[in-house]
Amino acid sequence: MHKQFFFPGRMTVTFRKGPLGFLRQDPTDAAKVLKDNPSLQDKSAAVKEELVRQNALTVVRQRGGDASDRTEVTGDYILQFGKYKGKSFRWLLENDIGYTIYLIRNQQKEEAAGVFMAAGHSKDSLLSFVSYSLSFQEIQSLLSYEEQKPAVTAAAASEDDQLVGFGSRANNTWREIWHSRGDGYASFILKKSCAPGTKICIHLLAPL
């Protein structure tokens, strides 16, 4: 009896979105496992980008994908830096948009300030990932939205970083609740009535 093999063919990024259509910025459970366990993170030396590209081409061809599609091939590039080193570019977009936005913003700040980190395989990988991420309209839209948000005062920022302290998201900060609003929890909280003096009432009635 001959074994049948399944070839997935072309693969695209599947963005996680909440009920309201916003991209979810909170990490998935798979991402949290790596973030919370340094012993599981890849500590091997970074490899040059040409080797990363050749390996990605091999992966795409083996699964029957489109090796002429630069975006699809780049999605299979393997990260050569950070806590998610060893995972593909596509995996990071699907598992931790919040970290993706952080990387993009940090790179943009460096460029704006004229500060350039030392070149190397890790830096090459970072630049390629940022370029890959910015090729998606979903990421562009999220960045534009973040830019339009009004600046917060130091006091407000301090409030944002306090723990919720109740309910299923007790160990999250108010900032995290807002950034992951796509999962519907923020909307749920805003619709709640509150009893004077309780934590939920204090935060719901706080000035924006």
C-alpha atoms as a PDB file:
ATOM      1  CA  MET A   1       0.000   0.000   0.000  1.00  0.00           C
ATOM      2  CA  HIS A   2       1.429   3.359  -1.049  1.00  0.00           C
ATOM      3  CA  LYS A   3       1.519   6.219   1.423  1.00  0.00           C
ATOM      4  CA  GLN A   4      -0.156   9.440   0.385  1.00  0.00           C
ATOM      5  CA  PHE A   5       1.608  12.683   1.125  1.00  0.00           C
ATOM      6  CA  PHE A   6      -0.119  16.030   1.574  1.00  0.00           C
ATOM      7  CA  PHE A   7       1.501  19.092   0.046  1.00  0.00           C
ATOM      8  CA  PRO A   8      -0.061  22.304   1.430  1.00  0.00           C
ATOM      9  CA  GLY A   9       1.023  24.384  -1.550  1.00  0.00           C
ATOM     10  CA  ARG A  10       0.868  28.159  -1.264  1.00  0.00           C
ATOM     11  CA  MET A  11       0.796  29.576   2.258  1.00  0.00           C
ATOM     12  CA  THR A  12      -0.221  33.070   3.313  1.00  0.00           C
ATOM     13  CA  VAL A  13      -0.328  34.889   6.645  1.00  0.00           C
ATOM     14  CA  THR A  14      -3.459  34.305   8.711  1.00  0.00           C
ATOM     15  CA  PHE A  15      -3.810  37.345  10.959  1.00  0.00           C
ATOM     16  CA  ARG A  16      -5.604  36.933  14.274  1.00  0.00           C
ATOM     17  CA  LYS A  17      -8.500  39.351  14.592  1.00  0.00           C
ATOM     18  CA  GLY A  18     -11.060  39.974  17.301  1.00  0.00           C
ATOM     19  CA  PRO A  19     -14.854  40.264  16.868  1.00  0.00           C
ATOM     20  CA  LEU A  20     -14.540  43.925  15.847  1.00  0.00           C
ATOM     21  CA  GLY A  21     -11.967  43.184  13.158  1.00  0.00           C
ATOM     22  CA  PHE A  22      -8.935  44.655  14.932  1.00  0.00           C
ATOM     23  CA  LEU A  23      -5.626  42.795  14.798  1.00  0.00           C
ATOM     24  CA  ARG A  24      -4.954  41.121  18.114  1.00  0.00           C
ATOM     25  CA  GLN A  25      -1.640  42.280  19.558  1.00  0.00           C
ATOM     26  CA  ASP A  26      -1.456  39.864  22.469  1.00  0.00           C
ATOM     27  CA  PRO A  27       0.845  36.846  21.993  1.00  0.00           C
ATOM     28  CA  THR A  28      -0.633  33.408  21.384  1.00  0.00           C
ATOM     29  CA  ASP A  29      -0.130  30.610  23.901  1.00  0.00           C
ATOM     30  CA  ALA A  30       2.617  29.201  21.657  1.00  0.00           C
ATOM     31  CA  ALA A  31       4.407  32.553  21.695  1.00  0.00           C
ATOM     32  CA  LYS A  32       4.039  32.892  25.468  1.00  0.00           C
ATOM     33  CA  VAL A  33       5.762  29.545  25.966  1.00  0.00           C
ATOM     34  CA  LEU A  34       8.892  30.913  24.285  1.00  0.00           C
ATOM     35  CA  LYS A  35       8.673  34.375  25.864  1.00  0.00           C
ATOM     36  CA  ASP A  36       8.329  32.954  29.358  1.00  0.00           C
ATOM     37  CA  ASN A  37      10.958  30.215  29.025  1.00  0.00           C
ATOM     38  CA  PRO A  38      14.410  31.500  28.022  1.00  0.00           C
ATOM     39  CA  SER A  39      15.714  27.924  28.187  1.00  0.00           C
ATOM     40  CA  LEU A  40      13.530  27.099  25.174  1.00  0.00           C
ATOM     41  CA  GLN A  41      14.784  30.016  23.081  1.00  0.00           C
ATOM     42  CA  ASP A  42      17.241  29.384  20.249  1.00  0.00           C
ATOM     43  CA  LYS A  43      20.711  30.551  21.277  1.00  0.00           C
ATOM     44  CA  SER A  44      22.582  29.314  18.194  1.00  0.00           C
ATOM     45  CA  ALA A  45      24.692  31.667  16.077  1.00  0.00           C
ATOM     46  CA  ALA A  46      22.890  33.668  13.413  1.00  0.00           C
ATOM     47  CA  VAL A  47      23.447  32.597   9.816  1.00  0.00           C
ATOM     48  CA  LYS A  48      23.819  34.797   6.741  1.00  0.00           C
ATOM     49  CA  GLU A  49      20.745  35.892   4.830  1.00  0.00           C
ATOM     50  CA  GLU A  50      21.651  34.103   1.598  1.00  0.00           C
ATOM     51  CA  LEU A  51      21.541  30.763   3.405  1.00  0.00           C
ATOM     52  CA  VAL A  52      18.227  31.748   5.020  1.00  0.00           C
ATOM     53  CA  ARG A  53      16.844  32.575   1.564  1.00  0.00           C
ATOM     54  CA  GLN A  54      18.017  29.314   0.023  1.00  0.00           C
ATOM     55  CA  ASN A  55      16.495  27.314   2.875  1.00  0.00           C
ATOM     56  CA  ALA A  56      13.200  29.197   2.468  1.00  0.00           C
ATOM     57  CA  LEU A  57      13.145  28.480  -1.267  1.00  0.00           C
ATOM     58  CA  THR A  58      13.655  24.799  -0.546  1.00  0.00           C
ATOM     59  CA  VAL A  59      10.751  24.774   1.912  1.00  0.00           C
ATOM     60  CA  VAL A  60       8.413  26.532  -0.539  1.00  0.00           C
ATOM     61  CA  ARG A  61       9.312  24.182  -3.398  1.00  0.00           C
ATOM     62  CA  GLN A  62       8.922  21.076  -1.250  1.00  0.00           C
ATOM     63  CA  ARG A  63       5.384  21.999  -0.254  1.00  0.00           C
ATOM     64  CA  GLY A  64       4.394  22.979  -3.794  1.00  0.00           C
ATOM     65  CA  GLY A  65       4.274  26.726  -3.174  1.00  0.00           C
ATOM     66  CA  ASP A  66       5.121  29.578  -5.523  1.00  0.00           C
ATOM     67  CA  ALA A  67       8.888  30.049  -5.417  1.00  0.00           C
ATOM     68  CA  SER A  68       8.556  33.115  -7.676  1.00  0.00           C
ATOM     69  CA  ASP A  69       6.414  34.931  -5.087  1.00  0.00           C
ATOM     70  CA  ARG A  70       8.855  36.969  -3.000  1.00  0.00           C
ATOM     71  CA  THR A  71       6.370  37.536  -0.183  1.00  0.00           C
ATOM     72  CA  GLU A  72       5.584  33.847   0.167  1.00  0.00           C
ATOM     73  CA  VAL A  73       9.262  32.909   0.143  1.00  0.00           C
ATOM     74  CA  THR A  74      10.168  35.610   2.660  1.00  0.00           C
ATOM     75  CA  GLY A  75       7.422  34.310   4.924  1.00  0.00           C
ATOM     76  CA  ASP A  76       9.517  31.167   5.325  1.00  0.00           C
ATOM     77  CA  TYR A  77      12.687  33.060   6.232  1.00  0.00           C
ATOM     78  CA  ILE A  78      13.836  31.980   9.689  1.00  0.00           C
ATOM     79  CA  LEU A  79      14.363  34.683  12.309  1.00  0.00           C
ATOM     80  CA  GLN A  80      18.007  35.104  13.299  1.00  0.00           C
ATOM     81  CA  PHE A  81      17.460  37.287  16.359  1.00  0.00           C
ATOM     82  CA  GLY A  82      15.455  37.704  19.540  1.00  0.00           C
ATOM     83  CA  LYS A  83      13.284  35.488  21.693  1.00  0.00           C
ATOM     84  CA  TYR A  84      11.598  33.927  18.650  1.00  0.00           C
ATOM     85  CA  LYS A  85      14.814  33.062  16.841  1.00  0.00           C
ATOM     86  CA  GLY A  86      14.308  29.888  14.820  1.00  0.00           C
ATOM     87  CA  LYS A  87      10.681  30.665  13.941  1.00  0.00           C
ATOM     88  CA  SER A  88       9.577  31.832  10.491  1.00  0.00           C
ATOM     89  CA  PHE A  89       8.645  35.409   9.612  1.00  0.00           C
ATOM     90  CA  ARG A  90       5.089  34.191   8.911  1.00  0.00           C
ATOM     91  CA  TRP A  91       4.914  32.509  12.316  1.00  0.00           C
ATOM     92  CA  LEU A  92       5.795  35.747  14.106  1.00  0.00           C
ATOM     93  CA  LEU A  93       3.099  37.727  12.279  1.00  0.00           C
ATOM     94  CA  GLU A  94       0.565  35.071  13.197  1.00  0.00           C
ATOM     95  CA  ASN A  95       1.626  34.734  16.832  1.00  0.00           C
ATOM     96  CA  ASP A  96       2.798  38.094  18.212  1.00  0.00           C
ATOM     97  CA  ILE A  97       1.731  41.268  16.394  1.00  0.00           C
ATOM     98  CA  GLY A  98       2.557  43.317  19.486  1.00  0.00           C
ATOM     99  CA  TYR A  99       6.222  42.297  19.272  1.00  0.00           C
ATOM    100  CA  THR A 100       6.160  42.906  15.521  1.00  0.00           C
ATOM    101  CA  ILE A 101       4.969  46.485  16.030  1.00  0.00           C
ATOM    102  CA  TYR A 102       7.649  46.999  18.687  1.00  0.00           C
ATOM    103  CA  LEU A 103      10.371  45.874  16.269  1.00  0.00           C
ATOM    104  CA  ILE A 104       9.085  48.146  13.501  1.00  0.00           C
ATOM    105  CA  ARG A 105       8.809  51.159  15.801  1.00  0.00           C
ATOM    106  CA  ASN A 106      12.264  50.584  17.247  1.00  0.00           C
ATOM    107  CA  GLN A 107      13.794  50.360  13.782  1.00  0.00           C
ATOM    108  CA  GLN A 108      11.984  53.511  12.680  1.00  0.00           C
ATOM    109  CA  LYS A 109      13.274  55.382  15.747  1.00  0.00           C
ATOM    110  CA  GLU A 110      16.837  54.309  14.960  1.00  0.00           C
ATOM    111  CA  GLU A 111      16.522  55.544  11.400  1.00  0.00           C
ATOM    112  CA  ALA A 112      14.921  58.835  12.461  1.00  0.00           C
ATOM    113  CA  ALA A 113      17.693  59.448  14.995  1.00  0.00           C
ATOM    114  CA  GLY A 114      20.412  58.475  12.536  1.00  0.00           C
ATOM    115  CA  VAL A 115      21.498  55.681  14.854  1.00  0.00           C
ATOM    116  CA  PHE A 116      22.568  52.488  13.146  1.00  0.00           C
ATOM    117  CA  MET A 117      23.314  49.319  15.054  1.00  0.00           C
ATOM    118  CA  ALA A 118      26.333  47.248  14.052  1.00  0.00           C
ATOM    119  CA  ALA A 119      25.788  45.227  10.895  1.00  0.00           C
ATOM    120  CA  GLY A 120      25.561  41.467  11.089  1.00  0.00           C
ATOM    121  CA  HIS A 121      23.398  38.474  10.254  1.00  0.00           C
ATOM    122  CA  SER A 122      20.979  39.282  13.090  1.00  0.00           C
ATOM    123  CA  LYS A 123      20.577  42.865  11.879  1.00  0.00           C
ATOM    124  CA  ASP A 124      20.052  41.682   8.301  1.00  0.00           C
ATOM    125  CA  SER A 125      17.309  39.368   9.537  1.00  0.00           C
ATOM    126  CA  LEU A 126      15.644  42.184  11.488  1.00  0.00           C
ATOM    127  CA  LEU A 127      15.654  44.538   8.497  1.00  0.00           C
ATOM    128  CA  SER A 128      14.213  41.832   6.255  1.00  0.00           C
ATOM    129  CA  PHE A 129      11.489  41.055   8.776  1.00  0.00           C
ATOM    130  CA  VAL A 130      10.526  44.728   9.138  1.00  0.00           C
ATOM    131  CA  SER A 131      10.352  45.085   5.346  1.00  0.00           C
ATOM    132  CA  TYR A 132       8.267  41.906   5.090  1.00  0.00           C
ATOM    133  CA  SER A 133       5.863  43.069   7.797  1.00  0.00           C
ATOM    134  CA  LEU A 134       5.380  46.472   6.191  1.00  0.00           C
ATOM    135  CA  SER A 135       4.327  44.796   2.934  1.00  0.00           C
ATOM    136  CA  PHE A 136       0.984  43.904   4.554  1.00  0.00           C
ATOM    137  CA  GLN A 137      -1.841  46.442   4.524  1.00  0.00           C
ATOM    138  CA  GLU A 138      -3.041  45.127   7.897  1.00  0.00           C
ATOM    139  CA  ILE A 139       0.246  46.140   9.514  1.00  0.00           C
ATOM    140  CA  GLN A 140       0.268  49.504   7.761  1.00  0.00           C
ATOM    141  CA  SER A 141      -3.264  50.219   8.980  1.00  0.00           C
ATOM    142  CA  LEU A 142      -2.399  49.290  12.558  1.00  0.00           C
ATOM    143  CA  LEU A 143       0.661  51.533  12.523  1.00  0.00           C
ATOM    144  CA  SER A 144      -1.411  54.429  11.163  1.00  0.00           C
ATOM    145  CA  TYR A 145      -3.998  53.906  13.886  1.00  0.00           C
ATOM    146  CA  GLU A 146      -1.324  53.857  16.591  1.00  0.00           C
ATOM    147  CA  GLU A 147       0.148  57.110  15.231  1.00  0.00           C
ATOM    148  CA  GLN A 148      -3.218  58.836  15.439  1.00  0.00           C
ATOM    149  CA  LYS A 149      -3.777  58.029  19.089  1.00  0.00           C
ATOM    150  CA  PRO A 150      -3.358  61.124  21.282  1.00  0.00           C
ATOM    151  CA  ALA A 151      -0.286  61.274  23.478  1.00  0.00           C
ATOM    152  CA  VAL A 152      -0.952  60.314  27.088  1.00  0.00           C
ATOM    153  CA  THR A 153       0.353  62.080  30.160  1.00  0.00           C
ATOM    154  CA  ALA A 154       2.774  60.406  32.538  1.00  0.00           C
ATOM    155  CA  ALA A 155      -0.009  60.022  35.082  1.00  0.00           C
ATOM    156  CA  ALA A 156      -2.283  58.356  32.561  1.00  0.00           C
ATOM    157  CA  ALA A 157       0.524  56.064  31.482  1.00  0.00           C
ATOM    158  CA  SER A 158       1.026  55.072  35.098  1.00  0.00           C
ATOM    159  CA  GLU A 159      -2.664  54.174  35.382  1.00  0.00           C
ATOM    160  CA  ASP A 160      -2.468  52.195  32.145  1.00  0.00           C
ATOM    161  CA  ASP A 161       0.278  50.002  33.584  1.00  0.00           C
ATOM    162  CA  GLN A 162      -1.690  49.029  36.700  1.00  0.00           C
ATOM    163  CA  LEU A 163      -3.056  45.485  36.948  1.00  0.00           C
ATOM    164  CA  VAL A 164      -6.781  45.068  36.320  1.00  0.00           C
ATOM    165  CA  GLY A 165      -7.049  43.120  39.590  1.00  0.00           C
ATOM    166  CA  PHE A 166     -10.366  41.369  38.971  1.00  0.00           C
ATOM    167  CA  GLY A 167     -12.064  38.895  36.656  1.00  0.00           C
ATOM    168  CA  SER A 168     -10.511  36.571  34.117  1.00  0.00           C
ATOM    169  CA  ARG A 169      -7.915  39.192  33.085  1.00  0.00           C
ATOM    170  CA  ALA A 170      -6.892  40.138  36.627  1.00  0.00           C
ATOM    171  CA  ASN A 171      -3.171  39.741  35.911  1.00  0.00           C
ATOM    172  CA  ASN A 172      -3.210  41.935  32.782  1.00  0.00           C
ATOM    173  CA  THR A 173      -2.597  45.692  32.798  1.00  0.00           C
ATOM    174  CA  TRP A 174      -5.197  48.127  31.497  1.00  0.00           C
ATOM    175  CA  ARG A 175      -2.804  48.926  28.657  1.00  0.00           C
ATOM    176  CA  GLU A 176      -2.709  45.246  27.643  1.00  0.00           C
ATOM    177  CA  ILE A 177      -6.507  45.062  27.765  1.00  0.00           C
ATOM    178  CA  TRP A 178      -6.736  47.990  25.373  1.00  0.00           C
ATOM    179  CA  HIS A 179      -4.038  46.735  22.987  1.00  0.00           C
ATOM    180  CA  SER A 180      -5.789  43.351  22.763  1.00  0.00           C
ATOM    181  CA  ARG A 181      -9.218  44.978  22.377  1.00  0.00           C
ATOM    182  CA  GLY A 182      -9.795  42.905  19.274  1.00  0.00           C
ATOM    183  CA  ASP A 183     -10.715  39.939  21.487  1.00  0.00           C
ATOM    184  CA  GLY A 184     -13.808  41.810  22.678  1.00  0.00           C
ATOM    185  CA  TYR A 185     -12.878  42.038  26.381  1.00  0.00           C
ATOM    186  CA  ALA A 186     -12.380  45.819  26.338  1.00  0.00           C
ATOM    187  CA  SER A 187     -15.837  46.308  24.819  1.00  0.00           C
ATOM    188  CA  PHE A 188     -17.268  43.968  27.442  1.00  0.00           C
ATOM    189  CA  ILE A 189     -15.729  46.049  30.243  1.00  0.00           C
ATOM    190  CA  LEU A 190     -16.912  49.366  28.795  1.00  0.00           C
ATOM    191  CA  LYS A 191     -20.511  48.129  28.721  1.00  0.00           C
ATOM    192  CA  LYS A 192     -20.455  47.143  32.390  1.00  0.00           C
ATOM    193  CA  SER A 193     -22.114  49.188  35.112  1.00  0.00           C
ATOM    194  CA  CYS A 194     -20.197  49.545  38.348  1.00  0.00           C
ATOM    195  CA  ALA A 195     -20.646  49.922  42.065  1.00  0.00           C
ATOM    196  CA  PRO A 196     -19.046  53.085  43.538  1.00  0.00           C
ATOM    197  CA  GLY A 197     -15.629  52.462  45.070  1.00  0.00           C
ATOM    198  CA  THR A 198     -14.918  49.187  43.257  1.00  0.00           C
ATOM    199  CA  LYS A 199     -11.827  48.773  41.056  1.00  0.00           C
ATOM    200  CA  ILE A 200     -13.837  48.469  37.887  1.00  0.00           C
ATOM    201  CA  CYS A 201     -15.770  51.666  38.672  1.00  0.00           C
ATOM    202  CA  ILE A 202     -12.603  53.639  39.482  1.00  0.00           C
ATOM    203  CA  HIS A 203     -11.073  52.781  36.118  1.00  0.00           C
ATOM    204  CA  LEU A 204     -14.225  53.141  34.068  1.00  0.00           C
ATOM    205  CA  LEU A 205     -14.891  56.602  35.476  1.00  0.00           C
ATOM    206  CA  ALA A 206     -11.275  57.760  35.184  1.00  0.00           C
ATOM    207  CA  PRO A 207     -10.830  60.584  32.627  1.00  0.00           C
ATOM    208  CA  LEU A 208      -9.405  59.519  29.285  1.00  0.00           C
END
